[in-house]
């Protein structure tokens, strides 16, 4: 096991306004070690992107409250000042967002924009140094050097997304967050980029969080998975264990919602019901209203996180109320 890169302990994100509070992430706790590729998976509205944006401290200060601890290589991201954050954001902690290709200026060449980005943290860097470093990254994402002197409109969406990934790695970050970074692309291009990301991880000794609603993305590009529902972590474990033998009813429901590429055709089973109102506080398990295995204790008492078969789990079925 490598060193711990990120250690979340009771991490909370709450949106606030004059009328109500929305508890978007509640008591999230898990660790990511050096070299891990952790898939953060859950249905739309489960708090995946909120968690990522909160780690990067990109949420508006006036309408967001963040509490708990997010220890990132010796620094608590929750307690850092904006000045301290600027030193590590995009350098030690980087991100690629969905449709991030749209963030490129249409009137400047890719190389010019890359130079501006790199010099935020390395103001004295020469053009040759930046070009050589970025050329290496372009090669990793299967793009040629000509991209450097191209305008964004001269590249396809898939090529621009690859450029976005290369840009996110230019400062050799300790942790890369990919938030639905391939969702907008066709299946073939998505598969190619995910394959390249996995190869890059091995070559660059990279650590990654992959945020997605697609279990197949987790299965093919991650070694660990954290399942989140309505802002709460349900299950965390190795991908090979969780996908083969899911323990939490919500994890089972997600897997039953996806078609299998092997074996007999089976009727897909969706999860009945809807996400709960996150402006309300719930005494029991947040998933109890949709769970097929609900018990009386589930409605009245929150399960405590426990270790079961080598993974973290929040569920009364396994003694989580003890």
C-alpha atoms as a PDB file:
ATOM      1  CA  UNK A   1       0.000   0.000   0.000  1.00  0.00           C
ATOM      2  CA  UNK A   2       1.392   3.399  -1.009  1.00  0.00           C
ATOM      3  CA  UNK A   3       1.202   6.656   0.886  1.00  0.00           C
ATOM      4  CA  UNK A   4      -2.203   8.215   1.474  1.00  0.00           C
ATOM      5  CA  UNK A   5      -2.891  10.978  -1.069  1.00  0.00           C
ATOM      6  CA  UNK A   6      -6.414  11.924   0.054  1.00  0.00           C
ATOM      7  CA  UNK A   7      -8.132  11.080   3.329  1.00  0.00           C
ATOM      8  CA  UNK A   8     -11.742  12.242   3.694  1.00  0.00           C
ATOM      9  CA  UNK A   9     -13.205  12.206   7.198  1.00  0.00           C
ATOM     10  CA  UNK A  10     -16.838  13.203   7.779  1.00  0.00           C
ATOM     11  CA  UNK A  11     -16.686  15.520   4.768  1.00  0.00           C
ATOM     12  CA  UNK A  12     -19.846  17.621   4.334  1.00  0.00           C
ATOM     13  CA  UNK A  13     -21.044  20.034   1.662  1.00  0.00           C
ATOM     14  CA  UNK A  14     -24.195  22.080   2.221  1.00  0.00           C
ATOM     15  CA  UNK A  15     -25.766  24.578  -0.177  1.00  0.00           C
ATOM     16  CA  UNK A  16     -27.452  27.479   1.591  1.00  0.00           C
ATOM     17  CA  UNK A  17     -29.695  30.399   0.679  1.00  0.00           C
ATOM     18  CA  UNK A  18     -32.231  32.593   2.463  1.00  0.00           C
ATOM     19  CA  UNK A  19     -34.941  29.958   2.280  1.00  0.00           C
ATOM     20  CA  UNK A  20     -33.371  26.539   2.810  1.00  0.00           C
ATOM     21  CA  UNK A  21     -30.309  24.337   3.237  1.00  0.00           C
ATOM     22  CA  UNK A  22     -29.503  21.457   0.872  1.00  0.00           C
ATOM     23  CA  UNK A  23     -27.308  18.723   2.339  1.00  0.00           C
ATOM     24  CA  UNK A  24     -25.520  17.640  -0.835  1.00  0.00           C
ATOM     25  CA  UNK A  25     -22.677  15.584   0.708  1.00  0.00           C
ATOM     26  CA  UNK A  26     -22.928  14.117   4.199  1.00  0.00           C
ATOM     27  CA  UNK A  27     -20.150  12.586   6.304  1.00  0.00           C
ATOM     28  CA  UNK A  28     -18.204  11.175   3.343  1.00  0.00           C
ATOM     29  CA  UNK A  29     -15.230   9.141   4.557  1.00  0.00           C
ATOM     30  CA  UNK A  30     -12.714   7.169   2.475  1.00  0.00           C
ATOM     31  CA  UNK A  31      -9.008   7.083   1.580  1.00  0.00           C
ATOM     32  CA  UNK A  32      -7.138   7.168  -1.711  1.00  0.00           C
ATOM     33  CA  UNK A  33      -3.560   5.896  -1.770  1.00  0.00           C
ATOM     34  CA  UNK A  34      -0.768   6.644  -4.220  1.00  0.00           C
ATOM     35  CA  UNK A  35      -1.419   4.855  -7.522  1.00  0.00           C
ATOM     36  CA  UNK A  36      -5.116   4.253  -6.836  1.00  0.00           C
ATOM     37  CA  UNK A  37      -7.750   4.902  -9.488  1.00  0.00           C
ATOM     38  CA  UNK A  38     -10.995   5.296  -7.579  1.00  0.00           C
ATOM     39  CA  UNK A  39     -14.328   5.390  -9.377  1.00  0.00           C
ATOM     40  CA  UNK A  40     -16.935   7.537  -7.622  1.00  0.00           C
ATOM     41  CA  UNK A  41     -20.240   6.237  -8.940  1.00  0.00           C
ATOM     42  CA  UNK A  42     -23.910   6.970  -8.358  1.00  0.00           C
ATOM     43  CA  UNK A  43     -27.010   8.104 -10.206  1.00  0.00           C
ATOM     44  CA  UNK A  44     -27.532  11.720 -11.285  1.00  0.00           C
ATOM     45  CA  UNK A  45     -28.031  14.022  -8.302  1.00  0.00           C
ATOM     46  CA  UNK A  46     -26.139  11.805  -5.874  1.00  0.00           C
ATOM     47  CA  UNK A  47     -23.456  14.413  -5.087  1.00  0.00           C
ATOM     48  CA  UNK A  48     -20.539  13.179  -7.212  1.00  0.00           C
ATOM     49  CA  UNK A  49     -19.694  16.484  -8.904  1.00  0.00           C
ATOM     50  CA  UNK A  50     -20.424  18.455  -5.738  1.00  0.00           C
ATOM     51  CA  UNK A  51     -17.820  16.360  -3.925  1.00  0.00           C
ATOM     52  CA  UNK A  52     -15.249  17.014  -6.665  1.00  0.00           C
ATOM     53  CA  UNK A  53     -15.938  20.755  -6.836  1.00  0.00           C
ATOM     54  CA  UNK A  54     -15.761  21.007  -3.056  1.00  0.00           C
ATOM     55  CA  UNK A  55     -12.356  19.276  -2.969  1.00  0.00           C
ATOM     56  CA  UNK A  56     -11.079  21.804  -5.500  1.00  0.00           C
ATOM     57  CA  UNK A  57     -12.848  24.572  -3.550  1.00  0.00           C
ATOM     58  CA  UNK A  58     -14.526  25.829  -6.712  1.00  0.00           C
ATOM     59  CA  UNK A  59     -18.000  26.189  -5.206  1.00  0.00           C
ATOM     60  CA  UNK A  60     -19.233  29.750  -4.446  1.00  0.00           C
ATOM     61  CA  UNK A  61     -18.286  30.765  -0.908  1.00  0.00           C
ATOM     62  CA  UNK A  62     -21.473  32.736  -0.225  1.00  0.00           C
ATOM     63  CA  UNK A  63     -23.803  29.812  -0.857  1.00  0.00           C
ATOM     64  CA  UNK A  64     -21.723  26.824   0.257  1.00  0.00           C
ATOM     65  CA  UNK A  65     -20.649  25.431   3.628  1.00  0.00           C
ATOM     66  CA  UNK A  66     -17.881  22.816   3.754  1.00  0.00           C
ATOM     67  CA  UNK A  67     -16.917  20.973   6.940  1.00  0.00           C
ATOM     68  CA  UNK A  68     -15.072  17.877   8.066  1.00  0.00           C
ATOM     69  CA  UNK A  69     -11.548  17.053   6.907  1.00  0.00           C
ATOM     70  CA  UNK A  70     -10.024  16.508   3.464  1.00  0.00           C
ATOM     71  CA  UNK A  71      -6.363  15.750   4.128  1.00  0.00           C
ATOM     72  CA  UNK A  72      -4.464  15.999   0.856  1.00  0.00           C
ATOM     73  CA  UNK A  73      -0.773  15.040   1.150  1.00  0.00           C
ATOM     74  CA  UNK A  74      -0.485  16.711   4.525  1.00  0.00           C
ATOM     75  CA  UNK A  75      -2.783  19.672   3.894  1.00  0.00           C
ATOM     76  CA  UNK A  76      -6.434  19.967   4.950  1.00  0.00           C
ATOM     77  CA  UNK A  77      -8.211  21.353   1.890  1.00  0.00           C
ATOM     78  CA  UNK A  78     -11.094  22.544   4.059  1.00  0.00           C
ATOM     79  CA  UNK A  79      -8.862  24.851   6.122  1.00  0.00           C
ATOM     80  CA  UNK A  80      -6.603  26.274   3.396  1.00  0.00           C
ATOM     81  CA  UNK A  81      -6.916  29.949   2.514  1.00  0.00           C
ATOM     82  CA  UNK A  82      -7.594  30.967  -1.093  1.00  0.00           C
ATOM     83  CA  UNK A  83      -3.956  32.054  -1.438  1.00  0.00           C
ATOM     84  CA  UNK A  84      -2.746  28.641  -0.242  1.00  0.00           C
ATOM     85  CA  UNK A  85      -5.224  26.887  -2.533  1.00  0.00           C
ATOM     86  CA  UNK A  86      -3.943  28.708  -5.595  1.00  0.00           C
ATOM     87  CA  UNK A  87      -0.509  27.202  -5.004  1.00  0.00           C
ATOM     88  CA  UNK A  88      -1.808  23.643  -5.238  1.00  0.00           C
ATOM     89  CA  UNK A  89      -4.933  23.895  -7.428  1.00  0.00           C
ATOM     90  CA  UNK A  90      -4.125  22.717 -11.007  1.00  0.00           C
ATOM     91  CA  UNK A  91      -0.573  21.927  -9.836  1.00  0.00           C
ATOM     92  CA  UNK A  92      -0.772  19.249  -7.137  1.00  0.00           C
ATOM     93  CA  UNK A  93      -4.539  18.782  -7.469  1.00  0.00           C
ATOM     94  CA  UNK A  94      -5.868  18.918 -11.032  1.00  0.00           C
ATOM     95  CA  UNK A  95      -9.141  18.145 -12.809  1.00  0.00           C
ATOM     96  CA  UNK A  96     -10.768  17.392 -16.153  1.00  0.00           C
ATOM     97  CA  UNK A  97     -14.470  18.205 -16.369  1.00  0.00           C
ATOM     98  CA  UNK A  98     -17.258  17.096 -18.694  1.00  0.00           C
ATOM     99  CA  UNK A  99     -17.086  19.058 -21.962  1.00  0.00           C
ATOM    100  CA  UNK A 100     -13.930  20.788 -20.728  1.00  0.00           C
ATOM    101  CA  UNK A 101     -12.945  21.101 -24.392  1.00  0.00           C
ATOM    102  CA  UNK A 102     -15.353  24.060 -24.493  1.00  0.00           C
ATOM    103  CA  UNK A 103     -13.092  25.996 -22.114  1.00  0.00           C
ATOM    104  CA  UNK A 104     -10.473  26.657 -24.799  1.00  0.00           C
ATOM    105  CA  UNK A 105     -10.391  30.152 -26.300  1.00  0.00           C
ATOM    106  CA  UNK A 106     -11.432  29.914 -29.976  1.00  0.00           C
ATOM    107  CA  UNK A 107      -9.149  32.797 -31.045  1.00  0.00           C
ATOM    108  CA  UNK A 108      -5.854  31.547 -29.595  1.00  0.00           C
ATOM    109  CA  UNK A 109      -3.744  28.574 -30.619  1.00  0.00           C
ATOM    110  CA  UNK A 110      -3.565  25.611 -28.256  1.00  0.00           C
ATOM    111  CA  UNK A 111       0.145  26.226 -27.606  1.00  0.00           C
ATOM    112  CA  UNK A 112      -0.427  29.830 -26.564  1.00  0.00           C
ATOM    113  CA  UNK A 113      -3.075  28.751 -24.073  1.00  0.00           C
ATOM    114  CA  UNK A 114      -0.891  25.949 -22.715  1.00  0.00           C
ATOM    115  CA  UNK A 115       1.964  28.402 -22.154  1.00  0.00           C
ATOM    116  CA  UNK A 116      -0.321  30.767 -20.232  1.00  0.00           C
ATOM    117  CA  UNK A 117      -1.616  27.905 -18.077  1.00  0.00           C
ATOM    118  CA  UNK A 118       1.852  26.528 -17.298  1.00  0.00           C
ATOM    119  CA  UNK A 119       3.289  29.924 -16.373  1.00  0.00           C
ATOM    120  CA  UNK A 120       0.674  30.444 -13.656  1.00  0.00           C
ATOM    121  CA  UNK A 121       2.805  28.143 -11.476  1.00  0.00           C
ATOM    122  CA  UNK A 122       6.095  28.395 -13.404  1.00  0.00           C
ATOM    123  CA  UNK A 123       6.315  32.070 -14.450  1.00  0.00           C
ATOM    124  CA  UNK A 124       9.897  31.827 -15.688  1.00  0.00           C
ATOM    125  CA  UNK A 125       9.348  28.843 -18.009  1.00  0.00           C
ATOM    126  CA  UNK A 126      10.654  29.182 -21.590  1.00  0.00           C
ATOM    127  CA  UNK A 127       8.610  28.300 -24.669  1.00  0.00           C
ATOM    128  CA  UNK A 128      10.948  25.437 -25.570  1.00  0.00           C
ATOM    129  CA  UNK A 129      10.628  23.889 -22.113  1.00  0.00           C
ATOM    130  CA  UNK A 130       6.826  24.059 -22.215  1.00  0.00           C
ATOM    131  CA  UNK A 131       6.658  22.703 -25.773  1.00  0.00           C
ATOM    132  CA  UNK A 132       8.885  19.723 -24.936  1.00  0.00           C
ATOM    133  CA  UNK A 133       6.893  18.874 -21.831  1.00  0.00           C
ATOM    134  CA  UNK A 134       3.535  19.202 -23.566  1.00  0.00           C
ATOM    135  CA  UNK A 135       4.724  17.249 -26.626  1.00  0.00           C
ATOM    136  CA  UNK A 136       5.425  14.312 -24.334  1.00  0.00           C
ATOM    137  CA  UNK A 137       1.913  14.522 -22.902  1.00  0.00           C
ATOM    138  CA  UNK A 138       0.379  14.844 -26.377  1.00  0.00           C
ATOM    139  CA  UNK A 139       2.166  11.639 -27.344  1.00  0.00           C
ATOM    140  CA  UNK A 140       0.693   9.900 -24.293  1.00  0.00           C
ATOM    141  CA  UNK A 141      -2.845  10.833 -25.397  1.00  0.00           C
ATOM    142  CA  UNK A 142      -2.081   9.788 -28.991  1.00  0.00           C
ATOM    143  CA  UNK A 143      -1.928  13.274 -30.538  1.00  0.00           C
ATOM    144  CA  UNK A 144       0.780  14.794 -32.754  1.00  0.00           C
ATOM    145  CA  UNK A 145       2.820  17.944 -32.145  1.00  0.00           C
ATOM    146  CA  UNK A 146       0.825  19.813 -34.788  1.00  0.00           C
ATOM    147  CA  UNK A 147      -1.940  20.190 -32.196  1.00  0.00           C
ATOM    148  CA  UNK A 148       0.302  22.694 -30.401  1.00  0.00           C
ATOM    149  CA  UNK A 149       0.044  25.171 -33.282  1.00  0.00           C
ATOM    150  CA  UNK A 150      -3.631  24.452 -34.050  1.00  0.00           C
ATOM    151  CA  UNK A 151      -6.715  26.461 -33.180  1.00  0.00           C
ATOM    152  CA  UNK A 152      -9.443  24.635 -31.211  1.00  0.00           C
ATOM    153  CA  UNK A 153     -11.862  24.686 -34.169  1.00  0.00           C
ATOM    154  CA  UNK A 154      -9.343  22.656 -36.178  1.00  0.00           C
ATOM    155  CA  UNK A 155      -9.660  19.725 -33.767  1.00  0.00           C
ATOM    156  CA  UNK A 156     -12.515  17.296 -33.153  1.00  0.00           C
ATOM    157  CA  UNK A 157     -14.319  17.048 -29.804  1.00  0.00           C
ATOM    158  CA  UNK A 158     -12.455  13.860 -28.946  1.00  0.00           C
ATOM    159  CA  UNK A 159      -9.099  15.469 -29.786  1.00  0.00           C
ATOM    160  CA  UNK A 160      -9.901  18.521 -27.651  1.00  0.00           C
ATOM    161  CA  UNK A 161     -10.859  16.323 -24.716  1.00  0.00           C
ATOM    162  CA  UNK A 162      -7.495  14.557 -25.051  1.00  0.00           C
ATOM    163  CA  UNK A 163      -5.820  17.968 -25.058  1.00  0.00           C
ATOM    164  CA  UNK A 164      -7.742  18.813 -21.863  1.00  0.00           C
ATOM    165  CA  UNK A 165      -6.367  15.674 -20.210  1.00  0.00           C
ATOM    166  CA  UNK A 166      -2.831  16.555 -21.330  1.00  0.00           C
ATOM    167  CA  UNK A 167      -3.237  20.113 -19.969  1.00  0.00           C
ATOM    168  CA  UNK A 168      -4.419  18.767 -16.607  1.00  0.00           C
ATOM    169  CA  UNK A 169      -1.192  16.754 -16.300  1.00  0.00           C
ATOM    170  CA  UNK A 170       1.297  19.432 -17.320  1.00  0.00           C
ATOM    171  CA  UNK A 171       2.229  20.300 -13.714  1.00  0.00           C
ATOM    172  CA  UNK A 172       2.621  16.640 -12.649  1.00  0.00           C
ATOM    173  CA  UNK A 173      -0.290  16.643 -10.160  1.00  0.00           C
ATOM    174  CA  UNK A 174      -0.425  14.256  -7.209  1.00  0.00           C
ATOM    175  CA  UNK A 175      -4.139  13.684  -7.831  1.00  0.00           C
ATOM    176  CA  UNK A 176      -6.240  14.019 -10.986  1.00  0.00           C
ATOM    177  CA  UNK A 177     -10.027  14.321 -10.723  1.00  0.00           C
ATOM    178  CA  UNK A 178     -11.919  13.325 -13.886  1.00  0.00           C
ATOM    179  CA  UNK A 179     -15.551  14.405 -13.607  1.00  0.00           C
ATOM    180  CA  UNK A 180     -17.586  12.718 -16.383  1.00  0.00           C
ATOM    181  CA  UNK A 181     -14.597  13.577 -18.585  1.00  0.00           C
ATOM    182  CA  UNK A 182     -15.571  11.208 -21.401  1.00  0.00           C
ATOM    183  CA  UNK A 183     -19.381  11.247 -21.120  1.00  0.00           C
ATOM    184  CA  UNK A 184     -19.969  13.631 -24.044  1.00  0.00           C
ATOM    185  CA  UNK A 185     -17.943  11.480 -26.446  1.00  0.00           C
ATOM    186  CA  UNK A 186     -19.028   8.551 -28.595  1.00  0.00           C
ATOM    187  CA  UNK A 187     -18.463   5.069 -27.185  1.00  0.00           C
ATOM    188  CA  UNK A 188     -15.440   4.262 -29.371  1.00  0.00           C
ATOM    189  CA  UNK A 189     -13.632   7.515 -28.553  1.00  0.00           C
ATOM    190  CA  UNK A 190     -14.511   7.137 -24.883  1.00  0.00           C
ATOM    191  CA  UNK A 191     -13.017   3.650 -24.827  1.00  0.00           C
ATOM    192  CA  UNK A 192      -9.824   4.821 -26.534  1.00  0.00           C
ATOM    193  CA  UNK A 193      -9.341   7.707 -24.091  1.00  0.00           C
ATOM    194  CA  UNK A 194      -9.969   5.491 -21.058  1.00  0.00           C
ATOM    195  CA  UNK A 195      -7.388   2.998 -22.345  1.00  0.00           C
ATOM    196  CA  UNK A 196      -4.870   5.825 -22.727  1.00  0.00           C
ATOM    197  CA  UNK A 197      -5.646   7.159 -19.243  1.00  0.00           C
ATOM    198  CA  UNK A 198      -4.931   3.732 -17.721  1.00  0.00           C
ATOM    199  CA  UNK A 199      -1.615   3.530 -19.631  1.00  0.00           C
ATOM    200  CA  UNK A 200      -0.689   7.050 -18.506  1.00  0.00           C
ATOM    201  CA  UNK A 201      -1.316   6.122 -14.885  1.00  0.00           C
ATOM    202  CA  UNK A 202       1.263   3.372 -15.062  1.00  0.00           C
ATOM    203  CA  UNK A 203       3.808   5.544 -16.875  1.00  0.00           C
ATOM    204  CA  UNK A 204       3.351   8.651 -14.713  1.00  0.00           C
ATOM    205  CA  UNK A 205       2.584   6.849 -11.406  1.00  0.00           C
ATOM    206  CA  UNK A 206      -0.673   8.785 -11.346  1.00  0.00           C
ATOM    207  CA  UNK A 207      -3.489   8.781  -8.768  1.00  0.00           C
ATOM    208  CA  UNK A 208      -7.013   9.445 -10.027  1.00  0.00           C
ATOM    209  CA  UNK A 209     -10.644   9.896  -9.028  1.00  0.00           C
ATOM    210  CA  UNK A 210     -13.022   9.011 -11.878  1.00  0.00           C
ATOM    211  CA  UNK A 211     -16.499  10.438 -11.339  1.00  0.00           C
ATOM    212  CA  UNK A 212     -19.159   8.700 -13.421  1.00  0.00           C
ATOM    213  CA  UNK A 213     -22.677   7.261 -13.422  1.00  0.00           C
ATOM    214  CA  UNK A 214     -21.511   4.425 -15.693  1.00  0.00           C
ATOM    215  CA  UNK A 215     -20.433   1.196 -13.988  1.00  0.00           C
ATOM    216  CA  UNK A 216     -18.746   0.005 -17.201  1.00  0.00           C
ATOM    217  CA  UNK A 217     -16.334   2.967 -17.002  1.00  0.00           C
ATOM    218  CA  UNK A 218     -15.441   1.966 -13.447  1.00  0.00           C
ATOM    219  CA  UNK A 219     -15.035  -1.679 -14.437  1.00  0.00           C
ATOM    220  CA  UNK A 220     -12.579  -0.906 -17.255  1.00  0.00           C
ATOM    221  CA  UNK A 221     -10.555   1.981 -15.844  1.00  0.00           C
ATOM    222  CA  UNK A 222     -10.504   1.837 -12.008  1.00  0.00           C
ATOM    223  CA  UNK A 223      -9.127  -0.467  -9.325  1.00  0.00           C
ATOM    224  CA  UNK A 224     -11.307   0.866  -6.493  1.00  0.00           C
ATOM    225  CA  UNK A 225     -14.893   2.102  -6.348  1.00  0.00           C
ATOM    226  CA  UNK A 226     -16.877   4.287  -3.949  1.00  0.00           C
ATOM    227  CA  UNK A 227     -20.661   4.148  -4.344  1.00  0.00           C
ATOM    228  CA  UNK A 228     -22.479   7.347  -3.346  1.00  0.00           C
ATOM    229  CA  UNK A 229     -26.217   7.867  -2.902  1.00  0.00           C
ATOM    230  CA  UNK A 230     -27.959  11.139  -1.973  1.00  0.00           C
ATOM    231  CA  UNK A 231     -24.664  12.537  -0.739  1.00  0.00           C
ATOM    232  CA  UNK A 232     -23.719   9.566   1.453  1.00  0.00           C
ATOM    233  CA  UNK A 233     -21.104   6.889   0.804  1.00  0.00           C
ATOM    234  CA  UNK A 234     -22.739   3.457   0.688  1.00  0.00           C
ATOM    235  CA  UNK A 235     -19.871   1.107  -0.153  1.00  0.00           C
ATOM    236  CA  UNK A 236     -16.109   1.359  -0.868  1.00  0.00           C
ATOM    237  CA  UNK A 237     -13.902  -1.476  -2.051  1.00  0.00           C
ATOM    238  CA  UNK A 238     -11.824  -3.020  -4.800  1.00  0.00           C
ATOM    239  CA  UNK A 239     -13.614  -2.985  -8.165  1.00  0.00           C
ATOM    240  CA  UNK A 240     -13.099  -6.716  -8.694  1.00  0.00           C
ATOM    241  CA  UNK A 241     -14.750  -7.458  -5.331  1.00  0.00           C
ATOM    242  CA  UNK A 242     -17.606  -4.958  -5.478  1.00  0.00           C
ATOM    243  CA  UNK A 243     -18.652  -5.776  -9.050  1.00  0.00           C
ATOM    244  CA  UNK A 244     -18.448  -9.528  -8.484  1.00  0.00           C
ATOM    245  CA  UNK A 245     -20.126  -9.518  -5.077  1.00  0.00           C
ATOM    246  CA  UNK A 246     -21.875  -6.223  -4.233  1.00  0.00           C
ATOM    247  CA  UNK A 247     -22.968  -6.034  -0.616  1.00  0.00           C
ATOM    248  CA  UNK A 248     -25.009  -2.850  -0.295  1.00  0.00           C
ATOM    249  CA  UNK A 249     -28.551  -3.027  -1.761  1.00  0.00           C
ATOM    250  CA  UNK A 250     -27.946   0.248  -3.633  1.00  0.00           C
ATOM    251  CA  UNK A 251     -24.788  -1.123  -5.261  1.00  0.00           C
ATOM    252  CA  UNK A 252     -26.742  -4.226  -6.281  1.00  0.00           C
ATOM    253  CA  UNK A 253     -29.469  -2.018  -7.735  1.00  0.00           C
ATOM    254  CA  UNK A 254     -26.982  -0.027  -9.809  1.00  0.00           C
ATOM    255  CA  UNK A 255     -25.399  -3.182 -11.197  1.00  0.00           C
ATOM    256  CA  UNK A 256     -28.803  -4.684 -12.028  1.00  0.00           C
ATOM    257  CA  UNK A 257     -29.574  -1.547 -14.033  1.00  0.00           C
ATOM    258  CA  UNK A 258     -26.765  -2.240 -16.516  1.00  0.00           C
ATOM    259  CA  UNK A 259     -26.859  -4.930 -19.202  1.00  0.00           C
ATOM    260  CA  UNK A 260     -24.244  -7.668 -19.052  1.00  0.00           C
ATOM    261  CA  UNK A 261     -22.005  -8.294 -22.063  1.00  0.00           C
ATOM    262  CA  UNK A 262     -21.576 -11.944 -21.076  1.00  0.00           C
ATOM    263  CA  UNK A 263     -23.919 -14.814 -20.314  1.00  0.00           C
ATOM    264  CA  UNK A 264     -27.663 -14.998 -20.847  1.00  0.00           C
ATOM    265  CA  UNK A 265     -29.830 -11.982 -21.540  1.00  0.00           C
ATOM    266  CA  UNK A 266     -31.543 -10.836 -18.365  1.00  0.00           C
ATOM    267  CA  UNK A 267     -34.311  -8.346 -17.802  1.00  0.00           C
ATOM    268  CA  UNK A 268     -32.912  -5.113 -16.400  1.00  0.00           C
ATOM    269  CA  UNK A 269     -34.206  -4.105 -12.985  1.00  0.00           C
ATOM    270  CA  UNK A 270     -34.267  -0.411 -12.198  1.00  0.00           C
ATOM    271  CA  UNK A 271     -34.293   0.995  -8.678  1.00  0.00           C
ATOM    272  CA  UNK A 272     -37.853   2.019  -7.825  1.00  0.00           C
ATOM    273  CA  UNK A 273     -38.609   5.436  -6.382  1.00  0.00           C
ATOM    274  CA  UNK A 274     -36.699   8.692  -6.491  1.00  0.00           C
ATOM    275  CA  UNK A 275     -33.841  10.450  -4.731  1.00  0.00           C
ATOM    276  CA  UNK A 276     -34.949  11.935  -1.389  1.00  0.00           C
ATOM    277  CA  UNK A 277     -35.379  15.642  -0.768  1.00  0.00           C
ATOM    278  CA  UNK A 278     -31.861  16.738   0.241  1.00  0.00           C
ATOM    279  CA  UNK A 279     -33.176  19.818   2.014  1.00  0.00           C
ATOM    280  CA  UNK A 280     -34.514  17.491   4.718  1.00  0.00           C
ATOM    281  CA  UNK A 281     -32.578  15.634   7.419  1.00  0.00           C
ATOM    282  CA  UNK A 282     -33.290  11.916   7.845  1.00  0.00           C
ATOM    283  CA  UNK A 283     -32.945   9.963  11.073  1.00  0.00           C
ATOM    284  CA  UNK A 284     -32.457   6.592   9.420  1.00  0.00           C
ATOM    285  CA  UNK A 285     -30.663   5.214   6.362  1.00  0.00           C
ATOM    286  CA  UNK A 286     -30.999   7.634   3.442  1.00  0.00           C
ATOM    287  CA  UNK A 287     -31.704   4.698   1.076  1.00  0.00           C
ATOM    288  CA  UNK A 288     -34.416   3.067   3.221  1.00  0.00           C
ATOM    289  CA  UNK A 289     -37.372   4.415   1.172  1.00  0.00           C
ATOM    290  CA  UNK A 290     -36.108   2.597  -1.956  1.00  0.00           C
ATOM    291  CA  UNK A 291     -34.492  -0.484  -0.425  1.00  0.00           C
ATOM    292  CA  UNK A 292     -35.926  -3.980  -0.952  1.00  0.00           C
ATOM    293  CA  UNK A 293     -34.357  -5.167   2.324  1.00  0.00           C
ATOM    294  CA  UNK A 294     -35.539  -2.337   4.576  1.00  0.00           C
ATOM    295  CA  UNK A 295     -35.980  -3.113   8.294  1.00  0.00           C
ATOM    296  CA  UNK A 296     -37.463  -1.048  11.120  1.00  0.00           C
ATOM    297  CA  UNK A 297     -34.001   0.005  12.311  1.00  0.00           C
ATOM    298  CA  UNK A 298     -33.220   1.371   8.843  1.00  0.00           C
ATOM    299  CA  UNK A 299     -35.958   3.987   9.173  1.00  0.00           C
ATOM    300  CA  UNK A 300     -34.963   5.159  12.644  1.00  0.00           C
ATOM    301  CA  UNK A 301     -31.190   4.870  12.958  1.00  0.00           C
ATOM    302  CA  UNK A 302     -28.323   5.719  10.624  1.00  0.00           C
ATOM    303  CA  UNK A 303     -25.898   2.856   9.987  1.00  0.00           C
ATOM    304  CA  UNK A 304     -22.300   3.340  11.101  1.00  0.00           C
ATOM    305  CA  UNK A 305     -19.486   2.744   8.640  1.00  0.00           C
ATOM    306  CA  UNK A 306     -17.975  -0.700   9.173  1.00  0.00           C
ATOM    307  CA  UNK A 307     -15.530  -3.050   7.478  1.00  0.00           C
ATOM    308  CA  UNK A 308     -17.084  -6.100   5.842  1.00  0.00           C
ATOM    309  CA  UNK A 309     -15.201  -8.528   3.558  1.00  0.00           C
ATOM    310  CA  UNK A 310     -12.354  -6.061   3.070  1.00  0.00           C
ATOM    311  CA  UNK A 311     -14.485  -3.048   2.204  1.00  0.00           C
ATOM    312  CA  UNK A 312     -16.200  -0.101   3.868  1.00  0.00           C
ATOM    313  CA  UNK A 313     -19.966  -0.373   4.161  1.00  0.00           C
ATOM    314  CA  UNK A 314     -22.870   1.654   5.557  1.00  0.00           C
ATOM    315  CA  UNK A 315     -25.731  -0.806   5.979  1.00  0.00           C
ATOM    316  CA  UNK A 316     -27.763  -2.312   8.822  1.00  0.00           C
ATOM    317  CA  UNK A 317     -27.878  -5.677   7.039  1.00  0.00           C
ATOM    318  CA  UNK A 318     -24.282  -6.209   8.145  1.00  0.00           C
ATOM    319  CA  UNK A 319     -24.572  -4.832  11.655  1.00  0.00           C
ATOM    320  CA  UNK A 320     -24.075  -1.188  10.720  1.00  0.00           C
ATOM    321  CA  UNK A 321     -26.301  -0.068  13.565  1.00  0.00           C
ATOM    322  CA  UNK A 322     -24.239  -1.659  16.319  1.00  0.00           C
END
